[in-house]
Amino acid sequence: MNYLERDMSKKFWFILVAALISFGLVEMALHVAQGLFEFRELKNSRQRELDDRRDLIVYQNQEWASAYYDEIAKMEVDFDPLVGWRPKKIQGQYVNVDADGIRKTWNSSLDSQNGKVVKIFMFGGSALWGAGARDEFTIPSLLSKLLNSDSEKIRYEVTNYGQSGYVSLQEIQAVRRLLTAPIRKG
């Protein structure tokens, strides 16, 4: 075998190996994409099937429970590089989340007599966010009602920064984001 034949043989084997590796990578990518799609579909269908919380005894005779869990099933999230995810905006009868992913909190619409407003930011996971509770019955809403019922000189404005499923690291990142964000006058 002369030099030219060996060179052609090497090129042939190189091209063949490169093509096989390329086909293998494409095949792997397609399997991963298909798996992600199937996982997403499975997760969505299982969420609809398995979310039987509306049937718990605590919600029996509660007319709002079924509609509440229908709203929860429609919630979607966006990827957030700092905390992993944030809920998308949703406006419902019982669950309302703004464009920043913040759940609606009951706050007094009355102005305080001396104009003093104390802002309280609350961070936490599912319990604080209000899993299973309508907007006006989340922990931040109940705190706002309690504080504002006893005060005529000061108005308390509570913000619910809780997120369903968050752990302490995500909450710390959310606090950090809030502390480093530009102050909005409102």
N, C-alpha and C. Protein backbone atom coordinates (compact mmCIF):
# COMPACT_ATOMS: atom_id res chain seq x y z
N MET A 1 0.85 -1.17 0.00
CA MET A 1 0.00 0.00 0.00
C MET A 1 0.90 1.24 0.00
N ASN A 2 0.70 2.10 -0.96
CA ASN A 2 1.55 3.27 -1.04
C ASN A 2 1.00 4.40 -0.16
N TYR A 3 1.72 5.49 -0.13
CA TYR A 3 1.39 6.63 0.73
C TYR A 3 0.02 7.18 0.41
N LEU A 4 -0.31 7.32 -0.88
CA LEU A 4 -1.59 7.88 -1.30
C LEU A 4 -2.75 7.00 -0.83
N GLU A 5 -2.58 5.70 -0.97
CA GLU A 5 -3.64 4.78 -0.54
C GLU A 5 -3.83 4.83 0.98
N ARG A 6 -2.74 4.91 1.74
CA ARG A 6 -2.84 5.00 3.20
C ARG A 6 -3.50 6.31 3.61
N ASP A 7 -3.15 7.39 2.94
CA ASP A 7 -3.73 8.70 3.24
C ASP A 7 -5.24 8.68 2.97
N MET A 8 -5.66 8.08 1.86
CA MET A 8 -7.08 7.97 1.52
C MET A 8 -7.80 7.07 2.54
N SER A 9 -7.13 6.00 2.96
CA SER A 9 -7.71 5.08 3.94
C SER A 9 -7.92 5.79 5.28
N LYS A 10 -6.93 6.59 5.70
CA LYS A 10 -7.06 7.35 6.95
C LYS A 10 -8.21 8.35 6.86
N LYS A 11 -8.29 9.05 5.73
CA LYS A 11 -9.38 10.04 5.55
C LYS A 11 -10.73 9.35 5.58
N PHE A 12 -10.83 8.18 4.92
CA PHE A 12 -12.09 7.44 4.90
C PHE A 12 -12.51 7.08 6.32
N TRP A 13 -11.57 6.50 7.09
CA TRP A 13 -11.90 6.08 8.45
C TRP A 13 -12.21 7.29 9.33
N PHE A 14 -11.49 8.38 9.14
CA PHE A 14 -11.75 9.60 9.91
C PHE A 14 -13.15 10.12 9.61
N ILE A 15 -13.52 10.19 8.34
CA ILE A 15 -14.85 10.67 7.95
C ILE A 15 -15.93 9.73 8.48
N LEU A 16 -15.69 8.44 8.39
CA LEU A 16 -16.66 7.46 8.88
C LEU A 16 -16.87 7.60 10.39
N VAL A 17 -15.78 7.69 11.14
CA VAL A 17 -15.88 7.85 12.60
C VAL A 17 -16.55 9.17 12.96
N ALA A 18 -16.18 10.25 12.27
CA ALA A 18 -16.79 11.56 12.53
C ALA A 18 -18.28 11.52 12.24
N ALA A 19 -18.68 10.87 11.16
CA ALA A 19 -20.10 10.77 10.81
C ALA A 19 -20.85 9.96 11.86
N LEU A 20 -20.26 8.84 12.30
CA LEU A 20 -20.91 8.02 13.32
C LEU A 20 -21.06 8.78 14.64
N ILE A 21 -20.04 9.51 15.02
CA ILE A 21 -20.12 10.33 16.24
C ILE A 21 -21.19 11.40 16.09
N SER A 22 -21.24 12.06 14.94
CA SER A 22 -22.25 13.09 14.69
C SER A 22 -23.65 12.51 14.75
N PHE A 23 -23.85 11.38 14.09
CA PHE A 23 -25.17 10.73 14.14
C PHE A 23 -25.52 10.33 15.57
N GLY A 24 -24.54 9.85 16.31
CA GLY A 24 -24.77 9.46 17.71
C GLY A 24 -25.17 10.66 18.55
N LEU A 25 -24.51 11.80 18.35
CA LEU A 25 -24.84 13.01 19.11
C LEU A 25 -26.24 13.53 18.75
N VAL A 26 -26.56 13.49 17.46
CA VAL A 26 -27.90 13.91 17.04
C VAL A 26 -28.95 12.99 17.65
N GLU A 27 -28.69 11.69 17.62
CA GLU A 27 -29.62 10.72 18.21
C GLU A 27 -29.81 10.99 19.70
N MET A 28 -28.71 11.25 20.42
CA MET A 28 -28.80 11.55 21.84
C MET A 28 -29.60 12.82 22.09
N ALA A 29 -29.33 13.86 21.31
CA ALA A 29 -30.05 15.13 21.46
C ALA A 29 -31.55 14.94 21.23
N LEU A 30 -31.89 14.15 20.23
CA LEU A 30 -33.31 13.89 19.95
C LEU A 30 -33.97 13.11 21.09
N HIS A 31 -33.25 12.15 21.66
CA HIS A 31 -33.79 11.40 22.79
C HIS A 31 -33.98 12.31 24.01
N VAL A 32 -33.03 13.18 24.27
CA VAL A 32 -33.15 14.12 25.39
C VAL A 32 -34.34 15.05 25.17
N ALA A 33 -34.46 15.60 23.96
CA ALA A 33 -35.58 16.50 23.66
C ALA A 33 -36.92 15.77 23.81
N GLN A 34 -36.98 14.54 23.28
CA GLN A 34 -38.21 13.77 23.40
C GLN A 34 -38.51 13.48 24.87
N GLY A 35 -37.49 13.15 25.64
CA GLY A 35 -37.68 12.88 27.07
C GLY A 35 -38.19 14.09 27.82
N LEU A 36 -37.62 15.27 27.51
CA LEU A 36 -38.08 16.50 28.16
C LEU A 36 -39.52 16.80 27.80
N PHE A 37 -39.86 16.63 26.54
CA PHE A 37 -41.24 16.88 26.11
C PHE A 37 -42.19 15.91 26.81
N GLU A 38 -41.83 14.63 26.82
CA GLU A 38 -42.69 13.64 27.47
C GLU A 38 -42.80 13.89 28.96
N PHE A 39 -41.69 14.31 29.61
CA PHE A 39 -41.72 14.61 31.03
C PHE A 39 -42.65 15.78 31.31
N ARG A 40 -42.57 16.81 30.48
CA ARG A 40 -43.43 17.98 30.65
C ARG A 40 -44.90 17.59 30.50
N GLU A 41 -45.19 16.80 29.48
CA GLU A 41 -46.57 16.37 29.27
C GLU A 41 -47.04 15.49 30.42
N LEU A 42 -46.18 14.57 30.87
CA LEU A 42 -46.52 13.70 31.98
C LEU A 42 -46.76 14.52 33.25
N LYS A 43 -45.87 15.48 33.50
CA LYS A 43 -46.01 16.33 34.68
C LYS A 43 -47.33 17.09 34.64
N ASN A 44 -47.66 17.67 33.50
CA ASN A 44 -48.90 18.43 33.39
C ASN A 44 -50.12 17.53 33.56
N SER A 45 -50.10 16.36 32.94
CA SER A 45 -51.26 15.47 33.06
C SER A 45 -51.35 14.90 34.47
N ARG A 46 -50.21 14.56 35.07
CA ARG A 46 -50.23 14.04 36.44
C ARG A 46 -50.67 15.11 37.41
N GLN A 47 -50.27 16.37 37.16
CA GLN A 47 -50.69 17.45 38.04
C GLN A 47 -52.21 17.57 38.03
N ARG A 48 -52.80 17.48 36.84
CA ARG A 48 -54.26 17.56 36.75
C ARG A 48 -54.90 16.34 37.40
N GLU A 49 -54.31 15.15 37.19
CA GLU A 49 -54.88 13.93 37.74
C GLU A 49 -54.69 13.83 39.24
N LEU A 50 -53.50 14.18 39.73
CA LEU A 50 -53.17 13.95 41.12
C LEU A 50 -53.58 15.08 42.05
N ASP A 51 -53.93 16.23 41.53
CA ASP A 51 -54.28 17.34 42.40
C ASP A 51 -55.71 17.18 42.89
N ASP A 52 -55.87 16.26 43.82
CA ASP A 52 -57.19 16.02 44.38
C ASP A 52 -57.34 16.71 45.73
N ARG A 53 -56.51 17.73 45.96
CA ARG A 53 -56.60 18.46 47.23
C ARG A 53 -57.97 19.09 47.42
N ARG A 54 -58.64 19.41 46.32
CA ARG A 54 -59.97 20.00 46.43
C ARG A 54 -60.94 19.05 47.11
N ASP A 55 -60.60 17.76 47.16
CA ASP A 55 -61.48 16.76 47.78
C ASP A 55 -61.16 16.53 49.26
N LEU A 56 -60.16 17.20 49.80
CA LEU A 56 -59.82 17.03 51.21
C LEU A 56 -60.97 17.50 52.09
N ILE A 57 -61.04 16.94 53.27
CA ILE A 57 -62.15 17.24 54.17
C ILE A 57 -62.21 18.73 54.53
N VAL A 58 -61.05 19.37 54.60
CA VAL A 58 -61.03 20.79 54.95
C VAL A 58 -61.74 21.66 53.91
N TYR A 59 -61.83 21.16 52.67
CA TYR A 59 -62.47 21.94 51.61
C TYR A 59 -63.91 21.50 51.34
N GLN A 60 -64.39 20.50 52.07
CA GLN A 60 -65.78 20.09 51.86
C GLN A 60 -66.70 21.24 52.25
N ASN A 61 -67.72 21.44 51.48
CA ASN A 61 -68.70 22.52 51.67
C ASN A 61 -68.09 23.91 51.44
N GLN A 62 -66.92 23.97 50.81
CA GLN A 62 -66.30 25.25 50.45
C GLN A 62 -66.49 25.44 48.95
N GLU A 63 -67.42 26.27 48.58
CA GLU A 63 -67.78 26.43 47.17
C GLU A 63 -66.61 26.94 46.32
N TRP A 64 -65.69 27.66 46.91
CA TRP A 64 -64.59 28.26 46.18
C TRP A 64 -63.47 27.27 45.86
N ALA A 65 -63.38 26.15 46.58
CA ALA A 65 -62.21 25.26 46.49
C ALA A 65 -61.97 24.72 45.09
N SER A 66 -63.00 24.28 44.42
CA SER A 66 -62.82 23.70 43.09
C SER A 66 -62.31 24.74 42.10
N ALA A 67 -62.89 25.94 42.14
CA ALA A 67 -62.43 27.02 41.24
C ALA A 67 -61.01 27.44 41.59
N TYR A 68 -60.68 27.46 42.88
CA TYR A 68 -59.32 27.82 43.32
C TYR A 68 -58.30 26.86 42.71
N TYR A 69 -58.55 25.55 42.82
CA TYR A 69 -57.59 24.58 42.30
C TYR A 69 -57.57 24.54 40.78
N ASP A 70 -58.67 24.93 40.14
CA ASP A 70 -58.63 25.09 38.69
C ASP A 70 -57.68 26.23 38.31
N GLU A 71 -57.71 27.33 39.09
CA GLU A 71 -56.80 28.45 38.83
C GLU A 71 -55.35 28.03 39.08
N ILE A 72 -55.11 27.28 40.14
CA ILE A 72 -53.76 26.80 40.45
C ILE A 72 -53.23 25.93 39.31
N ALA A 73 -54.10 25.07 38.75
CA ALA A 73 -53.69 24.17 37.66
C ALA A 73 -53.29 24.95 36.41
N LYS A 74 -53.81 26.16 36.24
CA LYS A 74 -53.49 26.98 35.07
C LYS A 74 -52.21 27.79 35.24
N MET A 75 -51.66 27.81 36.46
CA MET A 75 -50.46 28.61 36.69
C MET A 75 -49.28 28.06 35.92
N GLU A 76 -48.46 28.98 35.41
CA GLU A 76 -47.25 28.62 34.69
C GLU A 76 -46.09 29.38 35.32
N VAL A 77 -44.88 28.91 35.06
CA VAL A 77 -43.70 29.58 35.60
C VAL A 77 -42.74 29.94 34.46
N ASP A 78 -41.92 30.93 34.73
CA ASP A 78 -40.83 31.32 33.83
C ASP A 78 -39.51 30.98 34.49
N PHE A 79 -38.53 30.65 33.67
CA PHE A 79 -37.18 30.42 34.19
C PHE A 79 -36.63 31.73 34.73
N ASP A 80 -35.96 31.66 35.86
CA ASP A 80 -35.30 32.82 36.45
C ASP A 80 -33.89 32.37 36.84
N PRO A 81 -32.86 32.96 36.25
CA PRO A 81 -31.49 32.48 36.50
C PRO A 81 -31.04 32.63 37.96
N LEU A 82 -31.65 33.53 38.71
CA LEU A 82 -31.22 33.75 40.09
C LEU A 82 -31.88 32.77 41.07
N VAL A 83 -33.18 32.53 40.89
CA VAL A 83 -33.91 31.70 41.86
C VAL A 83 -34.48 30.42 41.26
N GLY A 84 -34.33 30.21 39.98
CA GLY A 84 -34.80 28.99 39.33
C GLY A 84 -36.08 29.20 38.55
N TRP A 85 -37.10 29.73 39.20
CA TRP A 85 -38.38 29.98 38.51
C TRP A 85 -39.15 31.05 39.26
N ARG A 86 -40.06 31.66 38.54
CA ARG A 86 -41.00 32.61 39.11
C ARG A 86 -42.32 32.41 38.39
N PRO A 87 -43.41 32.52 39.12
CA PRO A 87 -44.71 32.32 38.45
C PRO A 87 -45.00 33.44 37.47
N LYS A 88 -45.69 33.07 36.40
CA LYS A 88 -46.14 34.08 35.44
C LYS A 88 -47.37 34.79 36.00
N LYS A 89 -47.68 35.91 35.41
CA LYS A 89 -48.84 36.68 35.83
C LYS A 89 -50.12 35.86 35.64
N ILE A 90 -50.98 35.91 36.64
CA ILE A 90 -52.27 35.26 36.54
C ILE A 90 -53.29 36.12 37.28
N GLN A 91 -54.44 36.29 36.67
CA GLN A 91 -55.53 37.02 37.30
C GLN A 91 -56.73 36.09 37.39
N GLY A 92 -57.09 35.76 38.60
CA GLY A 92 -58.22 34.88 38.81
C GLY A 92 -59.13 35.44 39.87
N GLN A 93 -60.12 34.68 40.21
CA GLN A 93 -61.04 35.11 41.25
C GLN A 93 -60.39 34.94 42.63
N TYR A 94 -59.54 33.91 42.78
CA TYR A 94 -58.97 33.59 44.08
C TYR A 94 -57.45 33.66 44.14
N VAL A 95 -56.80 33.56 42.99
CA VAL A 95 -55.33 33.60 42.94
C VAL A 95 -54.92 34.66 41.93
N ASN A 96 -54.12 35.63 42.41
CA ASN A 96 -53.64 36.71 41.56
C ASN A 96 -52.15 36.91 41.80
N VAL A 97 -51.39 36.88 40.72
CA VAL A 97 -49.94 37.06 40.78
C VAL A 97 -49.61 38.13 39.74
N ASP A 98 -48.80 39.13 40.15
CA ASP A 98 -48.48 40.21 39.21
C ASP A 98 -47.35 39.80 38.26
N ALA A 99 -46.97 40.72 37.38
CA ALA A 99 -45.96 40.43 36.36
C ALA A 99 -44.58 40.14 36.96
N ASP A 100 -44.35 40.56 38.22
CA ASP A 100 -43.08 40.29 38.89
C ASP A 100 -43.10 38.99 39.68
N GLY A 101 -44.21 38.24 39.59
CA GLY A 101 -44.31 36.96 40.29
C GLY A 101 -44.73 37.09 41.74
N ILE A 102 -45.28 38.26 42.12
CA ILE A 102 -45.65 38.53 43.51
C ILE A 102 -47.15 38.30 43.70
N ARG A 103 -47.50 37.47 44.68
CA ARG A 103 -48.91 37.17 44.96
C ARG A 103 -49.59 38.37 45.60
N LYS A 104 -50.83 38.60 45.20
CA LYS A 104 -51.62 39.72 45.72
C LYS A 104 -51.83 39.55 47.22
N THR A 105 -51.69 40.65 47.94
CA THR A 105 -51.88 40.68 49.38
C THR A 105 -52.94 41.72 49.71
N TRP A 106 -53.82 41.40 50.63
CA TRP A 106 -54.80 42.38 51.07
C TRP A 106 -54.07 43.49 51.81
N ASN A 107 -54.29 44.73 51.42
CA ASN A 107 -53.75 45.88 52.12
C ASN A 107 -54.83 46.93 52.20
N SER A 108 -54.84 47.66 53.30
CA SER A 108 -55.84 48.70 53.51
C SER A 108 -55.70 49.76 52.44
N SER A 109 -56.83 50.20 51.94
CA SER A 109 -56.81 51.28 50.94
C SER A 109 -56.91 52.64 51.61
N LEU A 110 -57.12 52.67 52.92
CA LEU A 110 -57.23 53.93 53.65
C LEU A 110 -55.86 54.52 53.91
N ASP A 111 -55.75 55.81 53.80
CA ASP A 111 -54.50 56.49 54.14
C ASP A 111 -54.44 56.70 55.64
N SER A 112 -53.26 56.62 56.20
CA SER A 112 -53.12 56.90 57.62
C SER A 112 -53.28 58.40 57.84
N GLN A 113 -53.67 58.79 59.04
CA GLN A 113 -53.93 60.21 59.32
C GLN A 113 -52.67 61.06 59.22
N ASN A 114 -51.55 60.52 59.63
CA ASN A 114 -50.31 61.31 59.55
C ASN A 114 -49.48 60.96 58.32
N GLY A 115 -49.99 60.07 57.47
CA GLY A 115 -49.32 59.73 56.23
C GLY A 115 -48.18 58.73 56.38
N LYS A 116 -48.02 58.15 57.57
CA LYS A 116 -46.92 57.21 57.78
C LYS A 116 -47.33 55.83 57.28
N VAL A 117 -46.48 55.24 56.43
CA VAL A 117 -46.72 53.91 55.89
C VAL A 117 -45.50 53.05 56.24
N VAL A 118 -45.77 51.91 56.86
CA VAL A 118 -44.70 50.96 57.17
C VAL A 118 -44.83 49.80 56.19
N LYS A 119 -43.75 49.54 55.45
CA LYS A 119 -43.75 48.44 54.48
C LYS A 119 -43.12 47.21 55.11
N ILE A 120 -43.80 46.08 54.95
CA ILE A 120 -43.31 44.81 55.48
C ILE A 120 -43.21 43.84 54.31
N PHE A 121 -42.01 43.27 54.13
CA PHE A 121 -41.79 42.30 53.07
C PHE A 121 -41.67 40.92 53.72
N MET A 122 -42.44 39.97 53.24
CA MET A 122 -42.43 38.62 53.80
C MET A 122 -41.92 37.63 52.76
N PHE A 123 -40.97 36.79 53.18
CA PHE A 123 -40.38 35.79 52.30
C PHE A 123 -40.62 34.41 52.90
N GLY A 124 -40.82 33.41 52.03
CA GLY A 124 -41.02 32.06 52.51
C GLY A 124 -41.36 31.14 51.37
N GLY A 125 -41.80 29.95 51.73
CA GLY A 125 -42.16 28.93 50.75
C GLY A 125 -43.66 28.85 50.55
N SER A 126 -44.14 27.63 50.35
CA SER A 126 -45.54 27.40 49.99
C SER A 126 -46.53 27.89 51.03
N ALA A 127 -46.23 27.68 52.31
CA ALA A 127 -47.17 28.11 53.36
C ALA A 127 -47.34 29.61 53.35
N LEU A 128 -46.23 30.35 53.24
CA LEU A 128 -46.33 31.80 53.22
C LEU A 128 -46.98 32.29 51.93
N TRP A 129 -46.64 31.66 50.82
CA TRP A 129 -47.24 32.05 49.54
C TRP A 129 -48.75 31.93 49.62
N GLY A 130 -49.21 30.90 50.33
CA GLY A 130 -50.64 30.74 50.50
C GLY A 130 -51.21 29.54 49.77
N ALA A 131 -50.46 28.45 49.73
CA ALA A 131 -50.96 27.23 49.08
C ALA A 131 -52.23 26.79 49.80
N GLY A 132 -53.31 26.68 49.05
CA GLY A 132 -54.58 26.27 49.62
C GLY A 132 -55.43 27.41 50.14
N ALA A 133 -54.96 28.63 50.00
CA ALA A 133 -55.69 29.79 50.52
C ALA A 133 -55.96 30.81 49.41
N ARG A 134 -57.09 31.45 49.52
CA ARG A 134 -57.41 32.55 48.60
C ARG A 134 -56.54 33.76 48.94
N ASP A 135 -56.40 34.69 48.02
CA ASP A 135 -55.51 35.84 48.20
C ASP A 135 -55.71 36.53 49.55
N GLU A 136 -56.95 36.77 49.92
CA GLU A 136 -57.21 37.55 51.14
C GLU A 136 -57.03 36.74 52.42
N PHE A 137 -56.67 35.45 52.30
CA PHE A 137 -56.47 34.61 53.48
C PHE A 137 -55.07 34.03 53.57
N THR A 138 -54.12 34.57 52.81
CA THR A 138 -52.73 34.14 52.95
C THR A 138 -52.18 34.73 54.25
N ILE A 139 -51.08 34.22 54.74
CA ILE A 139 -50.48 34.72 55.97
C ILE A 139 -50.17 36.22 55.86
N PRO A 140 -49.56 36.70 54.76
CA PRO A 140 -49.32 38.14 54.65
C PRO A 140 -50.62 38.97 54.66
N SER A 141 -51.67 38.47 54.01
CA SER A 141 -52.94 39.21 54.01
C SER A 141 -53.54 39.27 55.42
N LEU A 142 -53.48 38.15 56.13
CA LEU A 142 -54.02 38.14 57.50
C LEU A 142 -53.21 39.06 58.42
N LEU A 143 -51.88 39.08 58.25
CA LEU A 143 -51.05 40.00 59.04
C LEU A 143 -51.42 41.45 58.73
N SER A 144 -51.60 41.76 57.46
CA SER A 144 -51.96 43.12 57.06
C SER A 144 -53.31 43.52 57.67
N LYS A 145 -54.28 42.63 57.63
CA LYS A 145 -55.59 42.91 58.23
C LYS A 145 -55.45 43.16 59.73
N LEU A 146 -54.68 42.32 60.41
CA LEU A 146 -54.50 42.44 61.85
C LEU A 146 -53.82 43.76 62.21
N LEU A 147 -52.71 44.07 61.55
CA LEU A 147 -51.97 45.30 61.87
C LEU A 147 -52.80 46.55 61.56
N ASN A 148 -53.49 46.54 60.44
CA ASN A 148 -54.26 47.72 60.04
C ASN A 148 -55.54 47.89 60.84
N SER A 149 -56.04 46.83 61.46
CA SER A 149 -57.26 46.96 62.27
C SER A 149 -56.98 47.64 63.59
N ASP A 150 -55.74 47.59 64.06
CA ASP A 150 -55.38 48.17 65.36
C ASP A 150 -54.69 49.52 65.26
N SER A 151 -54.53 50.04 64.06
CA SER A 151 -53.74 51.25 63.91
C SER A 151 -54.48 52.29 63.08
N GLU A 152 -54.60 53.49 63.66
CA GLU A 152 -55.18 54.60 62.90
C GLU A 152 -54.10 55.56 62.43
N LYS A 153 -52.95 55.57 63.13
CA LYS A 153 -51.88 56.52 62.82
C LYS A 153 -50.92 56.00 61.76
N ILE A 154 -50.83 54.70 61.66
CA ILE A 154 -49.88 54.09 60.73
C ILE A 154 -50.63 53.12 59.82
N ARG A 155 -50.30 53.16 58.55
CA ARG A 155 -50.85 52.16 57.63
C ARG A 155 -49.74 51.18 57.31
N TYR A 156 -50.06 49.91 57.45
CA TYR A 156 -49.09 48.85 57.17
C TYR A 156 -49.37 48.28 55.78
N GLU A 157 -48.31 48.18 55.01
CA GLU A 157 -48.42 47.64 53.65
C GLU A 157 -47.53 46.40 53.58
N VAL A 158 -48.17 45.23 53.46
CA VAL A 158 -47.46 43.96 53.48
C VAL A 158 -47.34 43.43 52.06
N THR A 159 -46.16 42.95 51.70
CA THR A 159 -45.93 42.35 50.38
C THR A 159 -45.55 40.89 50.56
N ASN A 160 -46.21 40.02 49.81
CA ASN A 160 -45.99 38.58 49.88
C ASN A 160 -44.96 38.17 48.83
N TYR A 161 -43.71 38.02 49.25
CA TYR A 161 -42.66 37.56 48.36
C TYR A 161 -42.47 36.04 48.45
N GLY A 162 -43.36 35.36 49.16
CA GLY A 162 -43.29 33.91 49.26
C GLY A 162 -43.49 33.27 47.90
N GLN A 163 -42.90 32.10 47.70
CA GLN A 163 -43.06 31.37 46.45
C GLN A 163 -43.26 29.90 46.76
N SER A 164 -44.19 29.31 46.11
CA SER A 164 -44.48 27.90 46.31
C SER A 164 -43.28 27.05 45.86
N GLY A 165 -42.80 26.22 46.76
CA GLY A 165 -41.69 25.34 46.43
C GLY A 165 -40.31 25.90 46.69
N TYR A 166 -40.19 27.16 47.08
CA TYR A 166 -38.87 27.73 47.33
C TYR A 166 -38.26 27.16 48.61
N VAL A 167 -36.93 27.07 48.60
CA VAL A 167 -36.16 26.69 49.78
C VAL A 167 -35.37 27.91 50.23
N SER A 168 -34.69 27.81 51.36
CA SER A 168 -34.06 28.98 51.96
C SER A 168 -33.06 29.68 51.03
N LEU A 169 -32.31 28.94 50.24
CA LEU A 169 -31.35 29.57 49.33
C LEU A 169 -32.06 30.46 48.31
N GLN A 170 -33.18 29.99 47.78
CA GLN A 170 -33.94 30.79 46.82
C GLN A 170 -34.52 32.03 47.50
N GLU A 171 -34.96 31.89 48.73
CA GLU A 171 -35.50 33.04 49.47
C GLU A 171 -34.42 34.08 49.71
N ILE A 172 -33.21 33.61 50.06
CA ILE A 172 -32.09 34.54 50.28
C ILE A 172 -31.77 35.28 48.98
N GLN A 173 -31.77 34.57 47.87
CA GLN A 173 -31.51 35.21 46.57
C GLN A 173 -32.60 36.24 46.25
N ALA A 174 -33.85 35.93 46.59
CA ALA A 174 -34.94 36.87 46.35
C ALA A 174 -34.77 38.13 47.21
N VAL A 175 -34.36 37.96 48.45
CA VAL A 175 -34.09 39.11 49.33
C VAL A 175 -32.95 39.93 48.74
N ARG A 176 -31.90 39.25 48.32
CA ARG A 176 -30.74 39.94 47.72
C ARG A 176 -31.16 40.75 46.50
N ARG A 177 -31.99 40.16 45.66
CA ARG A 177 -32.47 40.86 44.47
C ARG A 177 -33.24 42.12 44.87
N LEU A 178 -34.09 41.99 45.87
CA LEU A 178 -34.90 43.12 46.30
C LEU A 178 -34.02 44.23 46.88
N LEU A 179 -33.01 43.85 47.65
CA LEU A 179 -32.14 44.85 48.28
C LEU A 179 -31.24 45.56 47.27
N THR A 180 -30.94 44.92 46.16
CA THR A 180 -30.04 45.55 45.18
C THR A 180 -30.80 46.19 44.02
N ALA A 181 -32.12 46.04 44.00
CA ALA A 181 -32.92 46.64 42.93
C ALA A 181 -33.07 48.14 43.14
N PRO A 182 -33.20 48.88 42.04
CA PRO A 182 -33.44 50.32 42.19
C PRO A 182 -34.76 50.56 42.91
N ILE A 183 -34.79 51.59 43.72
CA ILE A 183 -36.01 51.92 44.47
C ILE A 183 -37.02 52.54 43.53
N ARG A 184 -38.24 51.97 43.56
CA ARG A 184 -39.33 52.49 42.73
C ARG A 184 -40.21 53.36 43.61
N LYS A 185 -40.45 54.56 43.16
CA LYS A 185 -41.37 55.45 43.88
C LYS A 185 -42.77 55.14 43.38
N GLY A 186 -43.69 54.95 44.31
CA GLY A 186 -45.03 54.59 43.87
C GLY A 186 -46.10 55.20 44.66
